[in-house]
């Protein structure tokens, strides 16, 4: 990729990479994408997420949920019940990642075909 244009002007490497680095910083790690994908199917309680995402510890799940909430990708709702119940839900901003996630899935499938065919 020698030159990248957006149709009207040539972009420098840093103009392209800065927003990509921002996105990668927010989504980095082993667990954030599985949490986002899980919540894209509907709101869930902590325990439901822990069961749905194999091998994630409670400590790590809690930390990742807090980071996703800080970045406005999910919301945390505490229901006034006894005992209190907490529910997590993906936000509209979080749902905006759908095209990115599906593009990554498609690329991953194609990549797997290429490397296993070699």
N, C-alpha and C. Protein backbone atom coordinates (compact mmCIF):
# COMPACT_ATOMS: atom_id res chain seq x y z
N UNK A 1 0.86 -1.16 0.00
CA UNK A 1 0.00 0.00 0.00
C UNK A 1 0.90 1.23 0.00
N UNK A 2 1.22 1.71 -1.18
CA UNK A 2 2.11 2.85 -1.28
C UNK A 2 1.41 4.16 -0.92
N UNK A 3 0.21 4.34 -1.42
CA UNK A 3 -0.53 5.57 -1.14
C UNK A 3 -1.97 5.22 -0.80
N UNK A 4 -2.49 5.93 0.12
CA UNK A 4 -3.89 5.75 0.50
C UNK A 4 -4.60 7.07 0.30
N UNK A 5 -5.72 7.03 -0.37
CA UNK A 5 -6.50 8.25 -0.53
C UNK A 5 -7.91 8.00 -0.04
N UNK A 6 -8.57 9.06 0.32
CA UNK A 6 -9.98 8.94 0.70
C UNK A 6 -10.87 9.46 -0.42
N UNK A 7 -10.32 9.51 -1.63
CA UNK A 7 -11.08 9.99 -2.77
C UNK A 7 -10.82 11.44 -3.12
N UNK A 8 -10.38 12.23 -2.15
CA UNK A 8 -10.15 13.64 -2.43
C UNK A 8 -8.72 14.06 -2.15
N UNK A 9 -8.07 13.41 -1.22
CA UNK A 9 -6.70 13.83 -0.90
C UNK A 9 -5.89 12.64 -0.40
N UNK A 10 -4.61 12.76 -0.57
CA UNK A 10 -3.70 11.72 -0.09
C UNK A 10 -3.52 11.88 1.42
N UNK A 11 -3.54 10.78 2.13
CA UNK A 11 -3.38 10.81 3.58
C UNK A 11 -1.97 10.37 3.95
N UNK A 12 -1.44 10.96 4.99
CA UNK A 12 -0.14 10.52 5.49
C UNK A 12 -0.35 9.30 6.37
N UNK A 13 0.72 8.62 6.62
CA UNK A 13 0.67 7.43 7.47
C UNK A 13 0.07 7.76 8.83
N UNK A 14 0.50 8.83 9.45
CA UNK A 14 0.01 9.17 10.79
C UNK A 14 -1.46 9.56 10.78
N UNK A 15 -1.92 10.22 9.72
CA UNK A 15 -3.33 10.58 9.63
C UNK A 15 -4.21 9.33 9.56
N UNK A 16 -3.67 8.28 8.97
CA UNK A 16 -4.41 7.02 8.89
C UNK A 16 -4.25 6.22 10.18
N UNK A 17 -3.04 6.18 10.71
CA UNK A 17 -2.77 5.32 11.86
C UNK A 17 -3.30 5.84 13.19
N UNK A 18 -3.37 7.13 13.39
CA UNK A 18 -3.81 7.66 14.69
C UNK A 18 -5.21 7.17 15.08
N UNK A 19 -6.23 7.30 14.22
CA UNK A 19 -7.54 6.78 14.62
C UNK A 19 -7.56 5.26 14.74
N UNK A 20 -6.75 4.56 13.94
CA UNK A 20 -6.67 3.10 14.06
C UNK A 20 -6.07 2.73 15.41
N UNK A 21 -5.02 3.44 15.82
CA UNK A 21 -4.41 3.19 17.13
C UNK A 21 -5.39 3.47 18.26
N UNK A 22 -6.20 4.53 18.12
CA UNK A 22 -7.23 4.82 19.12
C UNK A 22 -8.20 3.65 19.25
N UNK A 23 -8.65 3.13 18.12
CA UNK A 23 -9.60 2.01 18.13
C UNK A 23 -8.96 0.77 18.74
N UNK A 24 -7.72 0.48 18.36
CA UNK A 24 -7.04 -0.70 18.90
C UNK A 24 -6.81 -0.57 20.40
N UNK A 25 -6.52 0.62 20.87
CA UNK A 25 -6.31 0.86 22.30
C UNK A 25 -7.58 0.52 23.09
N UNK A 26 -8.72 0.89 22.57
CA UNK A 26 -9.99 0.64 23.25
C UNK A 26 -10.37 -0.84 23.19
N UNK A 27 -10.04 -1.52 22.10
CA UNK A 27 -10.47 -2.90 21.90
C UNK A 27 -9.39 -3.93 22.19
N UNK A 28 -8.21 -3.46 22.62
CA UNK A 28 -7.10 -4.40 22.81
C UNK A 28 -7.40 -5.41 23.91
N UNK A 29 -6.70 -6.51 23.82
CA UNK A 29 -6.84 -7.54 24.82
C UNK A 29 -7.65 -8.72 24.30
N UNK A 30 -7.64 -9.74 25.09
CA UNK A 30 -8.25 -11.01 24.72
C UNK A 30 -9.77 -11.03 24.91
N UNK A 31 -10.30 -10.17 25.77
CA UNK A 31 -11.67 -10.32 26.24
C UNK A 31 -12.67 -9.27 25.78
N UNK A 32 -12.24 -8.11 25.35
CA UNK A 32 -13.19 -7.04 25.05
C UNK A 32 -14.12 -7.39 23.88
N UNK A 33 -13.56 -7.92 22.81
CA UNK A 33 -14.41 -8.27 21.67
C UNK A 33 -15.40 -9.38 22.01
N UNK A 34 -15.00 -10.45 22.71
CA UNK A 34 -16.01 -11.44 23.10
C UNK A 34 -17.12 -10.86 23.97
N UNK A 35 -16.79 -9.93 24.85
CA UNK A 35 -17.82 -9.29 25.68
C UNK A 35 -18.77 -8.48 24.81
N UNK A 36 -18.22 -7.69 23.88
CA UNK A 36 -19.04 -6.87 22.99
C UNK A 36 -19.94 -7.76 22.13
N UNK A 37 -19.38 -8.83 21.58
CA UNK A 37 -20.18 -9.73 20.74
C UNK A 37 -21.29 -10.37 21.57
N UNK A 38 -20.98 -10.81 22.77
CA UNK A 38 -21.98 -11.41 23.64
C UNK A 38 -23.12 -10.44 23.92
N UNK A 39 -22.77 -9.21 24.26
CA UNK A 39 -23.80 -8.21 24.59
C UNK A 39 -24.57 -7.73 23.36
N UNK A 40 -24.02 -7.95 22.17
CA UNK A 40 -24.74 -7.56 20.95
C UNK A 40 -25.98 -8.44 20.74
N UNK A 41 -26.04 -9.58 21.44
CA UNK A 41 -27.21 -10.46 21.36
C UNK A 41 -28.26 -10.11 22.41
N UNK A 42 -27.94 -9.16 23.28
CA UNK A 42 -28.90 -8.74 24.30
C UNK A 42 -28.23 -8.49 25.63
N UNK A 43 -28.95 -7.81 26.52
CA UNK A 43 -28.38 -7.47 27.83
C UNK A 43 -28.17 -8.75 28.65
N UNK A 44 -27.17 -8.69 29.52
CA UNK A 44 -26.83 -9.86 30.33
C UNK A 44 -26.35 -9.42 31.70
N UNK A 45 -26.53 -10.31 32.65
CA UNK A 45 -25.97 -10.11 33.98
C UNK A 45 -24.53 -10.61 33.98
N UNK A 46 -23.81 -10.21 35.02
CA UNK A 46 -22.39 -10.56 35.15
C UNK A 46 -22.19 -12.07 35.00
N UNK A 47 -22.97 -12.86 35.75
CA UNK A 47 -22.80 -14.31 35.76
C UNK A 47 -23.07 -14.91 34.38
N UNK A 48 -24.05 -14.35 33.67
CA UNK A 48 -24.35 -14.84 32.31
C UNK A 48 -23.15 -14.62 31.39
N UNK A 49 -22.54 -13.44 31.50
CA UNK A 49 -21.35 -13.16 30.70
C UNK A 49 -20.22 -14.10 31.06
N UNK A 50 -20.02 -14.32 32.34
CA UNK A 50 -18.94 -15.21 32.80
C UNK A 50 -19.13 -16.62 32.25
N UNK A 51 -20.36 -17.09 32.20
CA UNK A 51 -20.63 -18.44 31.67
C UNK A 51 -20.47 -18.48 30.15
N UNK A 52 -20.82 -17.41 29.49
CA UNK A 52 -20.79 -17.39 28.03
C UNK A 52 -19.38 -17.24 27.45
N UNK A 53 -18.48 -16.67 28.24
CA UNK A 53 -17.11 -16.43 27.76
C UNK A 53 -16.18 -17.37 28.52
N UNK A 54 -15.82 -18.49 27.90
CA UNK A 54 -15.00 -19.50 28.60
C UNK A 54 -13.65 -18.95 29.05
N UNK A 55 -13.24 -19.38 30.22
CA UNK A 55 -11.90 -19.12 30.79
C UNK A 55 -11.67 -17.70 31.29
N UNK A 56 -12.65 -16.82 31.22
CA UNK A 56 -12.45 -15.47 31.76
C UNK A 56 -12.69 -15.52 33.27
N UNK A 57 -11.82 -14.88 34.02
CA UNK A 57 -11.99 -14.85 35.47
C UNK A 57 -12.92 -13.70 35.85
N UNK A 58 -13.51 -13.80 37.03
CA UNK A 58 -14.40 -12.73 37.50
C UNK A 58 -13.67 -11.40 37.60
N UNK A 59 -12.42 -11.45 38.07
CA UNK A 59 -11.63 -10.23 38.24
C UNK A 59 -11.40 -9.55 36.88
N UNK A 60 -11.02 -10.33 35.89
CA UNK A 60 -10.76 -9.79 34.56
C UNK A 60 -12.05 -9.30 33.92
N UNK A 61 -13.13 -10.07 34.06
CA UNK A 61 -14.41 -9.65 33.49
C UNK A 61 -14.84 -8.31 34.08
N UNK A 62 -14.71 -8.18 35.38
CA UNK A 62 -15.08 -6.93 36.05
C UNK A 62 -14.26 -5.75 35.52
N UNK A 63 -12.95 -5.95 35.38
CA UNK A 63 -12.06 -4.90 34.87
C UNK A 63 -12.42 -4.52 33.43
N UNK A 64 -12.64 -5.51 32.59
CA UNK A 64 -12.96 -5.24 31.19
C UNK A 64 -14.31 -4.53 31.06
N UNK A 65 -15.29 -4.93 31.85
CA UNK A 65 -16.59 -4.27 31.81
C UNK A 65 -16.48 -2.81 32.20
N UNK A 66 -15.67 -2.52 33.22
CA UNK A 66 -15.47 -1.13 33.64
C UNK A 66 -14.84 -0.31 32.51
N UNK A 67 -13.84 -0.87 31.83
CA UNK A 67 -13.19 -0.16 30.73
C UNK A 67 -14.15 0.07 29.57
N UNK A 68 -14.95 -0.93 29.25
CA UNK A 68 -15.93 -0.77 28.16
C UNK A 68 -16.97 0.28 28.52
N UNK A 69 -17.35 0.32 29.78
CA UNK A 69 -18.31 1.34 30.24
C UNK A 69 -17.68 2.74 30.17
N UNK A 70 -16.43 2.85 30.59
CA UNK A 70 -15.72 4.13 30.52
C UNK A 70 -15.65 4.65 29.09
N UNK A 71 -15.50 3.73 28.14
CA UNK A 71 -15.40 4.11 26.72
C UNK A 71 -16.76 4.17 26.02
N UNK A 72 -17.84 4.14 26.82
CA UNK A 72 -19.21 4.33 26.34
C UNK A 72 -19.68 3.25 25.37
N UNK A 73 -19.08 2.06 25.46
CA UNK A 73 -19.48 0.96 24.59
C UNK A 73 -20.57 0.11 25.22
N UNK A 74 -20.65 0.13 26.56
CA UNK A 74 -21.70 -0.60 27.27
C UNK A 74 -22.24 0.28 28.40
N UNK A 75 -23.41 -0.10 28.89
CA UNK A 75 -23.95 0.55 30.08
C UNK A 75 -24.13 -0.50 31.17
N UNK A 76 -24.06 -0.03 32.39
CA UNK A 76 -24.25 -0.88 33.57
C UNK A 76 -25.46 -0.32 34.31
N UNK A 77 -26.46 -1.19 34.53
CA UNK A 77 -27.67 -0.77 35.22
C UNK A 77 -27.83 -1.60 36.48
N UNK A 78 -27.95 -0.93 37.62
CA UNK A 78 -28.20 -1.60 38.89
C UNK A 78 -29.69 -1.53 39.16
N UNK A 79 -30.31 -2.71 39.28
CA UNK A 79 -31.75 -2.78 39.55
C UNK A 79 -31.99 -2.80 41.05
N UNK A 80 -33.01 -2.11 41.48
CA UNK A 80 -33.35 -1.99 42.90
C UNK A 80 -34.12 -3.23 43.36
N UNK A 81 -33.39 -4.33 43.48
CA UNK A 81 -33.96 -5.59 43.95
C UNK A 81 -33.16 -6.06 45.14
N UNK A 82 -33.63 -7.12 45.78
CA UNK A 82 -32.85 -7.70 46.87
C UNK A 82 -32.59 -9.16 46.55
N UNK A 83 -31.34 -9.57 46.40
CA UNK A 83 -30.15 -8.71 46.36
C UNK A 83 -30.13 -7.89 45.08
N UNK A 84 -29.36 -6.81 45.07
CA UNK A 84 -29.30 -5.97 43.86
C UNK A 84 -28.83 -6.77 42.65
N UNK A 85 -29.43 -6.54 41.52
CA UNK A 85 -28.98 -7.19 40.29
C UNK A 85 -28.40 -6.12 39.37
N UNK A 86 -27.36 -6.52 38.66
CA UNK A 86 -26.67 -5.61 37.74
C UNK A 86 -26.77 -6.21 36.35
N UNK A 87 -27.12 -5.37 35.40
CA UNK A 87 -27.27 -5.81 34.03
C UNK A 87 -26.40 -4.94 33.12
N UNK A 88 -25.78 -5.58 32.15
CA UNK A 88 -24.92 -4.88 31.19
C UNK A 88 -25.59 -4.94 29.82
N UNK A 89 -25.46 -3.82 29.10
CA UNK A 89 -26.09 -3.73 27.79
C UNK A 89 -25.18 -2.93 26.85
N UNK A 90 -25.16 -3.33 25.60
CA UNK A 90 -24.35 -2.61 24.62
C UNK A 90 -25.06 -1.29 24.27
N UNK A 91 -24.29 -0.25 24.05
CA UNK A 91 -24.85 1.06 23.69
C UNK A 91 -24.93 1.19 22.16
N UNK A 92 -25.57 2.24 21.71
CA UNK A 92 -25.59 2.53 20.26
C UNK A 92 -24.16 2.68 19.74
N UNK A 93 -23.33 3.34 20.55
CA UNK A 93 -21.93 3.52 20.17
C UNK A 93 -21.24 2.16 20.05
N UNK A 94 -21.52 1.26 20.97
CA UNK A 94 -20.97 -0.09 20.91
C UNK A 94 -21.47 -0.85 19.68
N UNK A 95 -22.74 -0.67 19.36
CA UNK A 95 -23.31 -1.33 18.18
C UNK A 95 -22.68 -0.83 16.89
N UNK A 96 -22.12 0.38 16.93
CA UNK A 96 -21.48 0.92 15.72
C UNK A 96 -20.24 0.12 15.33
N UNK A 97 -19.78 -0.77 16.21
CA UNK A 97 -18.64 -1.63 15.91
C UNK A 97 -19.02 -2.85 15.07
N UNK A 98 -20.32 -3.05 14.83
CA UNK A 98 -20.77 -4.26 14.14
C UNK A 98 -20.07 -4.46 12.79
N UNK A 99 -20.01 -3.41 11.97
CA UNK A 99 -19.37 -3.54 10.65
C UNK A 99 -17.89 -3.88 10.79
N UNK A 100 -17.24 -3.27 11.77
CA UNK A 100 -15.81 -3.53 12.00
C UNK A 100 -15.62 -4.99 12.41
N UNK A 101 -16.44 -5.46 13.35
CA UNK A 101 -16.32 -6.83 13.84
C UNK A 101 -16.61 -7.83 12.72
N UNK A 102 -17.64 -7.57 11.92
CA UNK A 102 -17.97 -8.49 10.83
C UNK A 102 -16.87 -8.48 9.76
N UNK A 103 -16.27 -7.32 9.50
CA UNK A 103 -15.16 -7.25 8.54
C UNK A 103 -13.96 -8.05 9.07
N UNK A 104 -13.70 -7.95 10.37
CA UNK A 104 -12.61 -8.72 10.97
C UNK A 104 -12.90 -10.22 10.90
N UNK A 105 -14.15 -10.61 11.14
CA UNK A 105 -14.54 -12.02 11.04
C UNK A 105 -14.32 -12.53 9.62
N UNK A 106 -14.80 -11.77 8.62
CA UNK A 106 -14.64 -12.18 7.23
C UNK A 106 -13.17 -12.28 6.85
N UNK A 107 -12.37 -11.29 7.27
CA UNK A 107 -10.95 -11.32 6.97
C UNK A 107 -10.30 -12.53 7.64
N UNK A 108 -10.68 -12.80 8.88
CA UNK A 108 -10.13 -13.93 9.61
C UNK A 108 -10.43 -15.26 8.93
N UNK A 109 -11.65 -15.41 8.41
CA UNK A 109 -12.00 -16.64 7.70
C UNK A 109 -11.17 -16.79 6.43
N UNK A 110 -11.02 -15.70 5.67
CA UNK A 110 -10.21 -15.74 4.45
C UNK A 110 -8.74 -16.02 4.77
N UNK A 111 -8.25 -15.38 5.80
CA UNK A 111 -6.85 -15.59 6.21
C UNK A 111 -6.63 -17.05 6.61
N UNK A 112 -7.55 -17.60 7.38
CA UNK A 112 -7.42 -19.00 7.81
C UNK A 112 -7.38 -19.93 6.60
N UNK A 113 -8.23 -19.66 5.59
CA UNK A 113 -8.23 -20.48 4.37
C UNK A 113 -6.87 -20.41 3.68
N UNK A 114 -6.32 -19.19 3.58
CA UNK A 114 -5.03 -19.00 2.91
C UNK A 114 -3.90 -19.74 3.62
N UNK A 115 -3.82 -19.58 4.93
CA UNK A 115 -2.69 -20.17 5.64
C UNK A 115 -2.83 -21.68 5.80
N UNK A 116 -4.06 -22.19 5.84
CA UNK A 116 -4.21 -23.64 5.94
C UNK A 116 -4.09 -24.31 4.59
N UNK A 117 -4.27 -23.56 3.49
CA UNK A 117 -4.13 -24.11 2.15
C UNK A 117 -2.66 -24.22 1.75
N UNK A 118 -1.79 -23.50 2.44
CA UNK A 118 -0.36 -23.48 2.07
C UNK A 118 0.31 -24.78 2.43
